[in-house]
Each structure stands twice: as structure tokens, then as C-alpha cells.
PDB file of all heavy atoms in Angstrom:
ATOM      1  N   VAL A   1       7.885 -69.393 -30.223  1.00  0.00           N
ATOM      2  CA  VAL A   1       6.926 -68.296 -30.038  1.00  0.00           C
ATOM      3  C   VAL A   1       7.086 -67.699 -28.638  1.00  0.00           C
ATOM      4  O   VAL A   1       7.052 -66.477 -28.467  1.00  0.00           O
ATOM      5  CB  VAL A   1       5.479 -68.772 -30.283  1.00  0.00           C
ATOM      6  CG1 VAL A   1       4.469 -67.715 -29.833  1.00  0.00           C
ATOM      7  CG2 VAL A   1       5.267 -69.122 -31.749  1.00  0.00           C
ATOM      8  N   CYS A   2       7.299 -68.553 -27.639  1.00  0.00           N
ATOM      9  CA  CYS A   2       7.450 -68.068 -26.266  1.00  0.00           C
ATOM     10  C   CYS A   2       8.746 -67.270 -26.080  1.00  0.00           C
ATOM     11  O   CYS A   2       8.835 -66.451 -25.169  1.00  0.00           O
ATOM     12  CB  CYS A   2       7.392 -69.225 -25.275  1.00  0.00           C
ATOM     13  SG  CYS A   2       5.724 -69.916 -25.118  1.00  0.00           S
ATOM     14  N   LYS A   3       9.729 -67.478 -26.924  1.00  0.00           N
ATOM     15  CA  LYS A   3      10.995 -66.733 -26.833  1.00  0.00           C
ATOM     16  C   LYS A   3      10.903 -65.339 -27.442  1.00  0.00           C
ATOM     17  O   LYS A   3      11.745 -64.492 -27.163  1.00  0.00           O
ATOM     18  CB  LYS A   3      12.107 -67.500 -27.548  1.00  0.00           C
ATOM     19  CG  LYS A   3      12.561 -68.739 -26.833  1.00  0.00           C
ATOM     20  CD  LYS A   3      13.764 -69.307 -27.588  1.00  0.00           C
ATOM     21  CE  LYS A   3      13.783 -70.787 -27.587  1.00  0.00           C
ATOM     22  NZ  LYS A   3      14.842 -71.354 -28.432  1.00  0.00           N
ATOM     23  N   LEU A   4       9.901 -65.100 -28.269  1.00  0.00           N
ATOM     24  CA  LEU A   4       9.749 -63.772 -28.877  1.00  0.00           C
ATOM     25  C   LEU A   4       9.539 -62.740 -27.780  1.00  0.00           C
ATOM     26  O   LEU A   4       8.882 -63.003 -26.782  1.00  0.00           O
ATOM     27  CB  LEU A   4       8.551 -63.750 -29.828  1.00  0.00           C
ATOM     28  CG  LEU A   4       8.609 -64.650 -31.058  1.00  0.00           C
ATOM     29  CD1 LEU A   4       7.270 -64.618 -31.784  1.00  0.00           C
ATOM     30  CD2 LEU A   4       9.733 -64.245 -31.987  1.00  0.00           C
ATOM     31  N   THR A   5      10.095 -61.552 -27.989  1.00  0.00           N
ATOM     32  CA  THR A   5       9.952 -60.487 -26.989  1.00  0.00           C
ATOM     33  C   THR A   5       9.972 -59.116 -27.663  1.00  0.00           C
ATOM     34  O   THR A   5      10.581 -58.945 -28.722  1.00  0.00           O
ATOM     35  CB  THR A   5      11.067 -60.573 -25.922  1.00  0.00           C
ATOM     36  OG1 THR A   5      10.848 -59.537 -24.951  1.00  0.00           O
ATOM     37  CG2 THR A   5      12.448 -60.419 -26.522  1.00  0.00           C
ATOM     38  N   THR A   6       9.334 -58.172 -27.022  1.00  0.00           N
ATOM     39  CA  THR A   6       9.417 -56.785 -27.477  1.00  0.00           C
ATOM     40  C   THR A   6      10.497 -56.032 -26.716  1.00  0.00           C
ATOM     41  O   THR A   6      10.803 -54.891 -27.032  1.00  0.00           O
ATOM     42  CB  THR A   6       8.067 -56.052 -27.298  1.00  0.00           C
ATOM     43  OG1 THR A   6       7.680 -56.121 -25.926  1.00  0.00           O
ATOM     44  CG2 THR A   6       6.992 -56.671 -28.173  1.00  0.00           C
ATOM     45  N   ASN A   7      11.075 -56.670 -25.708  1.00  0.00           N
ATOM     46  CA  ASN A   7      12.142 -56.041 -24.922  1.00  0.00           C
ATOM     47  C   ASN A   7      13.393 -55.866 -25.775  1.00  0.00           C
ATOM     48  O   ASN A   7      13.874 -56.823 -26.379  1.00  0.00           O
ATOM     49  CB  ASN A   7      12.482 -56.875 -23.691  1.00  0.00           C
ATOM     50  CG  ASN A   7      11.360 -56.903 -22.678  1.00  0.00           C
ATOM     51  OD1 ASN A   7      10.550 -55.987 -22.618  1.00  0.00           O
ATOM     52  ND2 ASN A   7      11.293 -57.959 -21.894  1.00  0.00           N
ATOM     53  N   GLN A   8      13.924 -54.668 -25.790  1.00  0.00           N
ATOM     54  CA  GLN A   8      15.110 -54.373 -26.595  1.00  0.00           C
ATOM     55  C   GLN A   8      16.342 -55.163 -26.152  1.00  0.00           C
ATOM     56  O   GLN A   8      17.271 -55.354 -26.917  1.00  0.00           O
ATOM     57  CB  GLN A   8      15.406 -52.878 -26.575  1.00  0.00           C
ATOM     58  CG  GLN A   8      14.321 -52.041 -27.236  1.00  0.00           C
ATOM     59  CD  GLN A   8      14.063 -52.424 -28.683  1.00  0.00           C
ATOM     60  OE1 GLN A   8      14.977 -52.512 -29.488  1.00  0.00           O
ATOM     61  NE2 GLN A   8      12.807 -52.690 -29.021  1.00  0.00           N
ATOM     62  N   SER A   9      16.336 -55.654 -24.937  1.00  0.00           N
ATOM     63  CA  SER A   9      17.449 -56.465 -24.439  1.00  0.00           C
ATOM     64  C   SER A   9      17.444 -57.865 -25.043  1.00  0.00           C
ATOM     65  O   SER A   9      18.449 -58.568 -25.000  1.00  0.00           O
ATOM     66  CB  SER A   9      17.369 -56.589 -22.917  1.00  0.00           C
ATOM     67  OG  SER A   9      16.223 -57.351 -22.550  1.00  0.00           O
ATOM     68  N   GLY A  10      16.292 -58.252 -25.600  1.00  0.00           N
ATOM     69  CA  GLY A  10      16.151 -59.596 -26.146  1.00  0.00           C
ATOM     70  C   GLY A  10      15.790 -60.631 -25.093  1.00  0.00           C
ATOM     71  O   GLY A  10      15.630 -61.802 -25.398  1.00  0.00           O
ATOM     72  N   ILE A  11      15.667 -60.193 -23.855  1.00  0.00           N
ATOM     73  CA  ILE A  11      15.322 -61.096 -22.750  1.00  0.00           C
ATOM     74  C   ILE A  11      13.846 -60.929 -22.433  1.00  0.00           C
ATOM     75  O   ILE A  11      13.397 -59.850 -22.048  1.00  0.00           O
ATOM     76  CB  ILE A  11      16.181 -60.795 -21.505  1.00  0.00           C
ATOM     77  CG1 ILE A  11      17.662 -60.981 -21.841  1.00  0.00           C
ATOM     78  CG2 ILE A  11      15.764 -61.683 -20.339  1.00  0.00           C
ATOM     79  CD1 ILE A  11      18.607 -60.465 -20.787  1.00  0.00           C
ATOM     80  N   GLY A  12      13.091 -61.999 -22.612  1.00  0.00           N
ATOM     81  CA  GLY A  12      11.661 -61.950 -22.343  1.00  0.00           C
ATOM     82  C   GLY A  12      11.370 -61.870 -20.854  1.00  0.00           C
ATOM     83  O   GLY A  12      12.130 -62.367 -20.031  1.00  0.00           O
ATOM     84  N   THR A  13      10.295 -61.201 -20.527  1.00  0.00           N
ATOM     85  CA  THR A  13       9.832 -61.097 -19.147  1.00  0.00           C
ATOM     86  C   THR A  13       8.332 -61.395 -19.121  1.00  0.00           C
ATOM     87  O   THR A  13       7.662 -61.323 -20.151  1.00  0.00           O
ATOM     88  CB  THR A  13      10.089 -59.685 -18.582  1.00  0.00           C
ATOM     89  OG1 THR A  13       9.504 -58.716 -19.468  1.00  0.00           O
ATOM     90  CG2 THR A  13      11.566 -59.396 -18.444  1.00  0.00           C
ATOM     91  N   THR A  14       7.818 -61.729 -17.961  1.00  0.00           N
ATOM     92  CA  THR A  14       6.401 -62.057 -17.849  1.00  0.00           C
ATOM     93  C   THR A  14       5.530 -60.895 -18.309  1.00  0.00           C
ATOM     94  O   THR A  14       4.612 -61.067 -19.083  1.00  0.00           O
ATOM     95  CB  THR A  14       6.042 -62.435 -16.399  1.00  0.00           C
ATOM     96  OG1 THR A  14       6.901 -63.500 -16.001  1.00  0.00           O
ATOM     97  CG2 THR A  14       4.606 -62.885 -16.285  1.00  0.00           C
ATOM     98  N   MET A  15       5.825 -59.716 -17.820  1.00  0.00           N
ATOM     99  CA  MET A  15       5.098 -58.520 -18.239  1.00  0.00           C
ATOM    100  C   MET A  15       6.081 -57.604 -18.952  1.00  0.00           C
ATOM    101  O   MET A  15       7.016 -57.097 -18.344  1.00  0.00           O
ATOM    102  CB  MET A  15       4.476 -57.800 -17.041  1.00  0.00           C
ATOM    103  CG  MET A  15       3.378 -58.596 -16.355  1.00  0.00           C
ATOM    104  SD  MET A  15       2.015 -59.111 -17.429  1.00  0.00           S
ATOM    105  CE  MET A  15       1.302 -57.555 -17.879  1.00  0.00           C
ATOM    106  N   GLU A  16       5.865 -57.428 -20.244  1.00  0.00           N
ATOM    107  CA  GLU A  16       6.723 -56.548 -21.013  1.00  0.00           C
ATOM    108  C   GLU A  16       6.152 -55.141 -20.949  1.00  0.00           C
ATOM    109  O   GLU A  16       5.169 -54.905 -20.266  1.00  0.00           O
ATOM    110  CB  GLU A  16       6.861 -57.095 -22.434  1.00  0.00           C
ATOM    111  CG  GLU A  16       7.517 -58.474 -22.402  1.00  0.00           C
ATOM    112  CD  GLU A  16       7.968 -59.007 -23.744  1.00  0.00           C
ATOM    113  OE1 GLU A  16       7.842 -58.290 -24.748  1.00  0.00           O
ATOM    114  OE2 GLU A  16       8.471 -60.132 -23.771  1.00  0.00           O
ATOM    115  N   LYS A  17       6.756 -54.230 -21.654  1.00  0.00           N
ATOM    116  CA  LYS A  17       6.369 -52.822 -21.536  1.00  0.00           C
ATOM    117  C   LYS A  17       4.864 -52.597 -21.727  1.00  0.00           C
ATOM    118  O   LYS A  17       4.229 -51.936 -20.925  1.00  0.00           O
ATOM    119  CB  LYS A  17       7.158 -51.977 -22.534  1.00  0.00           C
ATOM    120  CG  LYS A  17       6.882 -50.508 -22.423  1.00  0.00           C
ATOM    121  CD  LYS A  17       7.730 -49.707 -23.383  1.00  0.00           C
ATOM    122  CE  LYS A  17       7.386 -48.235 -23.298  1.00  0.00           C
ATOM    123  NZ  LYS A  17       8.106 -47.453 -24.288  1.00  0.00           N
ATOM    124  N   CYS A  18       4.302 -53.136 -22.791  1.00  0.00           N
ATOM    125  CA  CYS A  18       2.898 -52.857 -23.095  1.00  0.00           C
ATOM    126  C   CYS A  18       2.012 -54.097 -23.212  1.00  0.00           C
ATOM    127  O   CYS A  18       0.856 -53.985 -23.563  1.00  0.00           O
ATOM    128  CB  CYS A  18       2.811 -52.055 -24.391  1.00  0.00           C
ATOM    129  SG  CYS A  18       3.559 -50.416 -24.288  1.00  0.00           S
ATOM    130  N   LEU A  19       2.556 -55.278 -22.936  1.00  0.00           N
ATOM    131  CA  LEU A  19       1.754 -56.485 -23.035  1.00  0.00           C
ATOM    132  C   LEU A  19       2.393 -57.593 -22.224  1.00  0.00           C
ATOM    133  O   LEU A  19       3.556 -57.508 -21.842  1.00  0.00           O
ATOM    134  CB  LEU A  19       1.571 -56.928 -24.494  1.00  0.00           C
ATOM    135  CG  LEU A  19       2.823 -57.303 -25.280  1.00  0.00           C
ATOM    136  CD1 LEU A  19       2.472 -58.396 -26.275  1.00  0.00           C
ATOM    137  CD2 LEU A  19       3.339 -56.102 -26.043  1.00  0.00           C
ATOM    138  N   CYS A  20       1.618 -58.626 -21.967  1.00  0.00           N
ATOM    139  CA  CYS A  20       2.182 -59.771 -21.245  1.00  0.00           C
ATOM    140  C   CYS A  20       2.938 -60.660 -22.236  1.00  0.00           C
ATOM    141  O   CYS A  20       2.793 -60.525 -23.435  1.00  0.00           O
ATOM    142  CB  CYS A  20       1.103 -60.552 -20.513  1.00  0.00           C
ATOM    143  SG  CYS A  20      -0.054 -61.407 -21.571  1.00  0.00           S
ATOM    144  N   CYS A  21       3.731 -61.564 -21.705  1.00  0.00           N
ATOM    145  CA  CYS A  21       4.524 -62.429 -22.575  1.00  0.00           C
ATOM    146  C   CYS A  21       3.617 -63.405 -23.337  1.00  0.00           C
ATOM    147  O   CYS A  21       2.482 -63.663 -22.941  1.00  0.00           O
ATOM    148  CB  CYS A  21       5.585 -63.170 -21.777  1.00  0.00           C
ATOM    149  SG  CYS A  21       4.939 -64.469 -20.713  1.00  0.00           S
ATOM    150  N   ASN A  22       4.144 -63.942 -24.404  1.00  0.00           N
ATOM    151  CA  ASN A  22       3.372 -64.847 -25.252  1.00  0.00           C
ATOM    152  C   ASN A  22       2.965 -66.120 -24.523  1.00  0.00           C
ATOM    153  O   ASN A  22       1.898 -66.677 -24.787  1.00  0.00           O
ATOM    154  CB  ASN A  22       4.165 -65.182 -26.515  1.00  0.00           C
ATOM    155  CG  ASN A  22       4.404 -63.939 -27.352  1.00  0.00           C
ATOM    156  OD1 ASN A  22       3.730 -62.938 -27.203  1.00  0.00           O
ATOM    157  ND2 ASN A  22       5.383 -64.009 -28.231  1.00  0.00           N
ATOM    158  N   ALA A  23       3.806 -66.597 -23.611  1.00  0.00           N
ATOM    159  CA  ALA A  23       3.492 -67.829 -22.883  1.00  0.00           C
ATOM    160  C   ALA A  23       2.188 -67.679 -22.094  1.00  0.00           C
ATOM    161  O   ALA A  23       1.373 -68.609 -22.050  1.00  0.00           O
ATOM    162  CB  ALA A  23       4.642 -68.209 -21.952  1.00  0.00           C
ATOM    163  N   ILE A  24       1.982 -66.524 -21.495  1.00  0.00           N
ATOM    164  CA  ILE A  24       0.736 -66.291 -20.748  1.00  0.00           C
ATOM    165  C   ILE A  24      -0.458 -66.283 -21.695  1.00  0.00           C
ATOM    166  O   ILE A  24      -1.505 -66.860 -21.402  1.00  0.00           O
ATOM    167  CB  ILE A  24       0.819 -64.992 -19.925  1.00  0.00           C
ATOM    168  CG1 ILE A  24       1.813 -65.176 -18.779  1.00  0.00           C
ATOM    169  CG2 ILE A  24      -0.555 -64.574 -19.406  1.00  0.00           C
ATOM    170  CD1 ILE A  24       2.078 -63.941 -17.962  1.00  0.00           C
ATOM    171  N   SER A  25      -0.301 -65.667 -22.843  1.00  0.00           N
ATOM    172  CA  SER A  25      -1.395 -65.639 -23.828  1.00  0.00           C
ATOM    173  C   SER A  25      -1.726 -67.038 -24.319  1.00  0.00           C
ATOM    174  O   SER A  25      -2.902 -67.389 -24.478  1.00  0.00           O
ATOM    175  CB  SER A  25      -1.011 -64.753 -25.014  1.00  0.00           C
ATOM    176  OG  SER A  25      -0.806 -63.423 -24.594  1.00  0.00           O
ATOM    177  N   ILE A  26      -0.713 -67.851 -24.568  1.00  0.00           N
ATOM    178  CA  ILE A  26      -0.932 -69.224 -25.031  1.00  0.00           C
ATOM    179  C   ILE A  26      -1.608 -70.044 -23.934  1.00  0.00           C
ATOM    180  O   ILE A  26      -2.540 -70.811 -24.201  1.00  0.00           O
ATOM    181  CB  ILE A  26       0.395 -69.867 -25.475  1.00  0.00           C
ATOM    182  CG1 ILE A  26       0.923 -69.146 -26.720  1.00  0.00           C
ATOM    183  CG2 ILE A  26       0.225 -71.356 -25.737  1.00  0.00           C
ATOM    184  CD1 ILE A  26       2.369 -69.460 -27.055  1.00  0.00           C
ATOM    185  N   ALA A  27      -1.160 -69.861 -22.696  1.00  0.00           N
ATOM    186  CA  ALA A  27      -1.777 -70.571 -21.574  1.00  0.00           C
ATOM    187  C   ALA A  27      -3.244 -70.172 -21.423  1.00  0.00           C
ATOM    188  O   ALA A  27      -4.112 -71.029 -21.221  1.00  0.00           O
ATOM    189  CB  ALA A  27      -1.013 -70.297 -20.281  1.00  0.00           C
ATOM    190  N   ALA A  28      -3.548 -68.892 -21.537  1.00  0.00           N
ATOM    191  CA  ALA A  28      -4.932 -68.429 -21.421  1.00  0.00           C
ATOM    192  C   ALA A  28      -5.813 -69.058 -22.490  1.00  0.00           C
ATOM    193  O   ALA A  28      -6.969 -69.412 -22.230  1.00  0.00           O
ATOM    194  CB  ALA A  28      -4.989 -66.907 -21.509  1.00  0.00           C
ATOM    195  N   ALA A  29      -5.260 -69.224 -23.689  1.00  0.00           N
ATOM    196  CA  ALA A  29      -6.038 -69.807 -24.787  1.00  0.00           C
ATOM    197  C   ALA A  29      -6.451 -71.247 -24.498  1.00  0.00           C
ATOM    198  O   ALA A  29      -7.465 -71.721 -25.029  1.00  0.00           O
ATOM    199  CB  ALA A  29      -5.239 -69.739 -26.085  1.00  0.00           C
ATOM    200  N   LYS A  30      -5.715 -71.936 -23.642  1.00  0.00           N
ATOM    201  CA  LYS A  30      -6.086 -73.310 -23.281  1.00  0.00           C
ATOM    202  C   LYS A  30      -7.354 -73.344 -22.426  1.00  0.00           C
ATOM    203  O   LYS A  30      -8.050 -74.346 -22.383  1.00  0.00           O
ATOM    204  CB  LYS A  30      -4.941 -74.006 -22.537  1.00  0.00           C
ATOM    205  CG  LYS A  30      -3.753 -74.279 -23.416  1.00  0.00           C
ATOM    206  CD  LYS A  30      -4.154 -75.239 -24.519  1.00  0.00           C
ATOM    207  CE  LYS A  30      -3.019 -75.533 -25.456  1.00  0.00           C
ATOM    208  NZ  LYS A  30      -3.439 -76.316 -26.603  1.00  0.00           N
TER     209      LYS A  30
END
């Protein structure tokens, strides 16, 4: 799940174009 990205390069970043990465969302849920 943390590897999923909306970046067309396929490389995930902490802040993507319109949302933060999934890892941050999962961490917040804790």
C-alpha cells in the first residue's frame, strides 16, 4: 500500500501532486 503512487514516474514521494503519500495517512491513523 505504501508503494502505491499517483506520480506518473512510479516513484512515490512524501507529498504527491494532490495528496500526501499513503504512509503518512497510515501513520496518522495510528
